[in-house]
Amino acid sequence: MTSGPTLSPALRDRVLARLGVSRGIGTDLSGLSTVYRAWCDHIPFDNVRKLIALRTADDRLLPGTTGTDFFEHFLEFGTGGTCWSTSNAI
């Protein structure tokens, strides 16, 4: 299995700060549980960006295609996504 693109350390740190999670969080089950709880508390499950793209006949990739796109828009506008885009972000 190959890994996909990763977030830049700067973007990762901005996302963790917005989620209220310590940058030095562990990679164990406890750390994962902390990140998941913060995710559920702060990142909306919505399709706003996708609806805008589909209704404006936008020829670009669908919003949330990459983690970077997802998180940059989350940080700037507070938008989230549905299962497809959140899975790409994670």
N, C-alpha and C. Protein backbone atom coordinates (compact mmCIF):
# COMPACT_ATOMS: atom_id res chain seq x y z
N MET A 1 0.85 -1.17 0.00
CA MET A 1 0.00 0.00 0.00
C MET A 1 0.89 1.24 0.00
N THR A 2 0.59 2.19 -0.85
CA THR A 2 1.35 3.43 -0.89
C THR A 2 0.60 4.51 -0.13
N SER A 3 1.36 5.43 0.40
CA SER A 3 0.71 6.53 1.11
C SER A 3 0.45 7.67 0.16
N GLY A 4 -0.58 8.43 0.44
CA GLY A 4 -0.94 9.57 -0.39
C GLY A 4 -0.18 10.81 0.06
N PRO A 5 -0.52 11.92 -0.53
CA PRO A 5 0.13 13.17 -0.16
C PRO A 5 -0.09 13.49 1.32
N THR A 6 0.87 14.12 1.93
CA THR A 6 0.74 14.50 3.32
C THR A 6 0.62 16.01 3.44
N LEU A 7 0.12 16.44 4.57
CA LEU A 7 0.02 17.87 4.84
C LEU A 7 1.39 18.43 5.16
N SER A 8 1.59 19.66 4.83
CA SER A 8 2.83 20.32 5.24
C SER A 8 2.81 20.42 6.77
N PRO A 9 3.96 20.39 7.40
CA PRO A 9 3.99 20.54 8.86
C PRO A 9 3.30 21.83 9.33
N ALA A 10 3.46 22.91 8.60
CA ALA A 10 2.83 24.18 9.00
C ALA A 10 1.31 24.07 8.97
N LEU A 11 0.76 23.46 7.92
CA LEU A 11 -0.70 23.30 7.83
C LEU A 11 -1.18 22.34 8.90
N ARG A 12 -0.47 21.25 9.11
CA ARG A 12 -0.83 20.30 10.16
C ARG A 12 -0.91 20.99 11.51
N ASP A 13 0.08 21.81 11.82
CA ASP A 13 0.11 22.49 13.10
C ASP A 13 -1.04 23.50 13.24
N ARG A 14 -1.39 24.19 12.16
CA ARG A 14 -2.51 25.12 12.18
C ARG A 14 -3.83 24.38 12.43
N VAL A 15 -3.98 23.21 11.79
CA VAL A 15 -5.20 22.42 11.97
C VAL A 15 -5.28 21.92 13.41
N LEU A 16 -4.19 21.38 13.93
CA LEU A 16 -4.21 20.90 15.31
C LEU A 16 -4.54 22.03 16.28
N ALA A 17 -3.97 23.21 16.05
CA ALA A 17 -4.26 24.35 16.92
C ALA A 17 -5.74 24.71 16.85
N ARG A 18 -6.31 24.73 15.67
CA ARG A 18 -7.73 25.06 15.50
C ARG A 18 -8.62 24.02 16.19
N LEU A 19 -8.16 22.77 16.18
CA LEU A 19 -8.91 21.70 16.83
C LEU A 19 -8.69 21.68 18.34
N GLY A 20 -7.72 22.47 18.82
CA GLY A 20 -7.42 22.49 20.24
C GLY A 20 -6.63 21.28 20.71
N VAL A 21 -5.86 20.69 19.79
CA VAL A 21 -5.08 19.49 20.09
C VAL A 21 -3.60 19.87 20.15
N SER A 22 -2.92 19.35 21.16
CA SER A 22 -1.49 19.60 21.32
C SER A 22 -0.71 19.03 20.14
N ARG A 23 0.27 19.80 19.66
CA ARG A 23 1.10 19.35 18.54
C ARG A 23 1.87 18.07 18.88
N GLY A 24 2.19 17.85 20.13
CA GLY A 24 2.97 16.68 20.53
C GLY A 24 2.12 15.49 20.93
N ILE A 25 0.89 15.44 20.45
CA ILE A 25 -0.01 14.34 20.84
C ILE A 25 0.56 13.00 20.39
N GLY A 26 0.32 11.98 21.19
CA GLY A 26 0.83 10.65 20.89
C GLY A 26 0.14 10.01 19.70
N THR A 27 0.79 9.01 19.15
CA THR A 27 0.23 8.28 18.01
C THR A 27 -0.42 6.96 18.47
N ASP A 28 -0.70 6.86 19.74
CA ASP A 28 -1.34 5.67 20.29
C ASP A 28 -2.87 5.82 20.26
N LEU A 29 -3.57 4.86 20.81
CA LEU A 29 -5.04 4.89 20.81
C LEU A 29 -5.58 6.12 21.55
N SER A 30 -4.93 6.50 22.62
CA SER A 30 -5.37 7.67 23.36
C SER A 30 -5.25 8.94 22.51
N GLY A 31 -4.13 9.08 21.80
CA GLY A 31 -3.94 10.23 20.92
C GLY A 31 -4.95 10.25 19.80
N LEU A 32 -5.18 9.09 19.19
CA LEU A 32 -6.17 8.98 18.12
C LEU A 32 -7.56 9.35 18.62
N SER A 33 -7.90 8.88 19.81
CA SER A 33 -9.21 9.20 20.39
C SER A 33 -9.35 10.70 20.62
N THR A 34 -8.28 11.34 21.06
CA THR A 34 -8.30 12.78 21.29
C THR A 34 -8.52 13.54 20.00
N VAL A 35 -7.79 13.15 18.95
CA VAL A 35 -7.93 13.81 17.65
C VAL A 35 -9.32 13.58 17.08
N TYR A 36 -9.83 12.36 17.20
CA TYR A 36 -11.15 12.06 16.66
C TYR A 36 -12.24 12.85 17.38
N ARG A 37 -12.14 12.97 18.69
CA ARG A 37 -13.12 13.75 19.45
C ARG A 37 -13.09 15.21 19.01
N ALA A 38 -11.88 15.75 18.85
CA ALA A 38 -11.74 17.14 18.40
C ALA A 38 -12.31 17.30 16.99
N TRP A 39 -12.06 16.33 16.13
CA TRP A 39 -12.60 16.34 14.77
C TRP A 39 -14.13 16.42 14.82
N CYS A 40 -14.74 15.54 15.58
CA CYS A 40 -16.20 15.50 15.67
C CYS A 40 -16.78 16.79 16.26
N ASP A 41 -16.05 17.39 17.19
CA ASP A 41 -16.52 18.61 17.84
C ASP A 41 -16.36 19.86 16.98
N HIS A 42 -15.40 19.88 16.04
CA HIS A 42 -15.06 21.11 15.34
C HIS A 42 -15.27 21.12 13.82
N ILE A 43 -15.25 19.96 13.20
CA ILE A 43 -15.34 19.93 11.74
C ILE A 43 -16.74 19.51 11.32
N PRO A 44 -17.45 20.42 10.63
CA PRO A 44 -18.83 20.11 10.26
C PRO A 44 -18.93 19.04 9.17
N PHE A 45 -19.98 18.25 9.27
CA PHE A 45 -20.31 17.29 8.22
C PHE A 45 -21.32 17.98 7.32
N ASP A 46 -20.83 18.53 6.22
CA ASP A 46 -21.70 19.28 5.31
C ASP A 46 -21.26 19.11 3.86
N ASN A 47 -22.12 19.51 2.95
CA ASN A 47 -21.79 19.41 1.52
C ASN A 47 -21.86 20.77 0.84
N VAL A 48 -21.67 21.83 1.59
CA VAL A 48 -21.81 23.19 1.06
C VAL A 48 -20.87 23.44 -0.12
N ARG A 49 -19.59 23.16 0.04
CA ARG A 49 -18.64 23.43 -1.04
C ARG A 49 -18.93 22.58 -2.28
N LYS A 50 -19.32 21.36 -2.08
CA LYS A 50 -19.63 20.48 -3.21
C LYS A 50 -20.86 21.00 -3.96
N LEU A 51 -21.89 21.40 -3.24
CA LEU A 51 -23.08 21.94 -3.90
C LEU A 51 -22.76 23.19 -4.71
N ILE A 52 -21.96 24.07 -4.15
CA ILE A 52 -21.58 25.28 -4.88
C ILE A 52 -20.84 24.90 -6.15
N ALA A 53 -19.90 23.97 -6.06
CA ALA A 53 -19.12 23.55 -7.24
C ALA A 53 -20.03 22.94 -8.30
N LEU A 54 -20.95 22.08 -7.90
CA LEU A 54 -21.83 21.42 -8.86
C LEU A 54 -22.82 22.38 -9.51
N ARG A 55 -23.29 23.34 -8.73
CA ARG A 55 -24.29 24.28 -9.25
C ARG A 55 -23.69 25.41 -10.07
N THR A 56 -22.40 25.60 -9.99
CA THR A 56 -21.75 26.66 -10.77
C THR A 56 -21.00 26.09 -11.96
N ALA A 57 -21.16 24.81 -12.22
CA ALA A 57 -20.48 24.13 -13.33
C ALA A 57 -18.98 24.38 -13.29
N ASP A 58 -18.43 24.31 -12.09
CA ASP A 58 -17.00 24.50 -11.88
C ASP A 58 -16.24 23.32 -12.49
N ASP A 59 -15.27 23.60 -13.34
CA ASP A 59 -14.52 22.54 -14.01
C ASP A 59 -13.34 22.02 -13.21
N ARG A 60 -13.06 22.63 -12.08
CA ARG A 60 -11.95 22.17 -11.24
C ARG A 60 -12.33 20.87 -10.54
N LEU A 61 -11.34 20.25 -9.89
CA LEU A 61 -11.61 19.06 -9.10
C LEU A 61 -12.64 19.39 -8.03
N LEU A 62 -13.40 18.41 -7.62
CA LEU A 62 -14.38 18.64 -6.56
C LEU A 62 -13.68 19.09 -5.29
N PRO A 63 -14.31 19.95 -4.53
CA PRO A 63 -13.73 20.41 -3.27
C PRO A 63 -13.43 19.24 -2.35
N GLY A 64 -12.32 19.33 -1.65
CA GLY A 64 -11.96 18.28 -0.71
C GLY A 64 -11.25 17.11 -1.34
N THR A 65 -10.82 17.27 -2.58
CA THR A 65 -10.11 16.18 -3.26
C THR A 65 -8.80 15.85 -2.54
N THR A 66 -8.18 16.86 -1.97
CA THR A 66 -6.95 16.64 -1.21
C THR A 66 -7.13 17.13 0.22
N GLY A 67 -6.32 16.59 1.10
CA GLY A 67 -6.34 17.04 2.48
C GLY A 67 -5.99 18.51 2.60
N THR A 68 -5.03 18.96 1.80
CA THR A 68 -4.63 20.35 1.84
C THR A 68 -5.79 21.26 1.49
N ASP A 69 -6.52 20.95 0.42
CA ASP A 69 -7.68 21.75 0.02
C ASP A 69 -8.72 21.76 1.14
N PHE A 70 -9.01 20.58 1.68
CA PHE A 70 -10.02 20.46 2.73
C PHE A 70 -9.66 21.34 3.93
N PHE A 71 -8.42 21.19 4.42
CA PHE A 71 -8.03 21.89 5.64
C PHE A 71 -7.82 23.39 5.42
N GLU A 72 -7.33 23.80 4.26
CA GLU A 72 -7.20 25.23 4.01
C GLU A 72 -8.56 25.92 4.04
N HIS A 73 -9.57 25.27 3.48
CA HIS A 73 -10.92 25.86 3.49
C HIS A 73 -11.56 25.76 4.88
N PHE A 74 -11.29 24.70 5.59
CA PHE A 74 -11.77 24.59 6.97
C PHE A 74 -11.20 25.74 7.80
N LEU A 75 -9.91 25.98 7.68
CA LEU A 75 -9.28 27.03 8.47
C LEU A 75 -9.77 28.41 8.08
N GLU A 76 -9.96 28.65 6.79
CA GLU A 76 -10.36 29.98 6.34
C GLU A 76 -11.85 30.26 6.51
N PHE A 77 -12.68 29.25 6.19
CA PHE A 77 -14.13 29.48 6.14
C PHE A 77 -14.94 28.66 7.14
N GLY A 78 -14.31 27.68 7.79
CA GLY A 78 -15.04 26.83 8.73
C GLY A 78 -15.87 25.75 8.06
N THR A 79 -15.62 25.51 6.78
CA THR A 79 -16.38 24.48 6.07
C THR A 79 -15.83 23.09 6.39
N GLY A 80 -16.65 22.10 6.16
CA GLY A 80 -16.27 20.71 6.36
C GLY A 80 -16.46 19.94 5.09
N GLY A 81 -17.10 18.81 5.18
CA GLY A 81 -17.34 17.99 4.02
C GLY A 81 -18.14 16.76 4.41
N THR A 82 -18.39 15.93 3.43
CA THR A 82 -19.09 14.67 3.69
C THR A 82 -18.05 13.56 3.74
N CYS A 83 -18.50 12.31 3.71
CA CYS A 83 -17.60 11.19 3.93
C CYS A 83 -16.42 11.16 2.97
N TRP A 84 -16.64 11.49 1.70
CA TRP A 84 -15.56 11.41 0.70
C TRP A 84 -14.46 12.41 0.99
N SER A 85 -14.81 13.66 1.16
CA SER A 85 -13.77 14.67 1.37
C SER A 85 -13.13 14.56 2.74
N THR A 86 -13.89 14.19 3.77
CA THR A 86 -13.26 14.03 5.08
C THR A 86 -12.31 12.84 5.08
N SER A 87 -12.65 11.79 4.35
CA SER A 87 -11.74 10.64 4.23
C SER A 87 -10.45 11.05 3.52
N ASN A 88 -10.55 11.88 2.50
CA ASN A 88 -9.36 12.36 1.82
C ASN A 88 -8.51 13.21 2.77
N ALA A 89 -9.16 13.98 3.60
CA ALA A 89 -8.42 14.83 4.55
C ALA A 89 -7.69 14.00 5.59
N ILE A 90 -8.37 13.00 6.09
CA ILE A 90 -7.75 12.15 7.12
C ILE A 90 -6.62 11.36 6.52
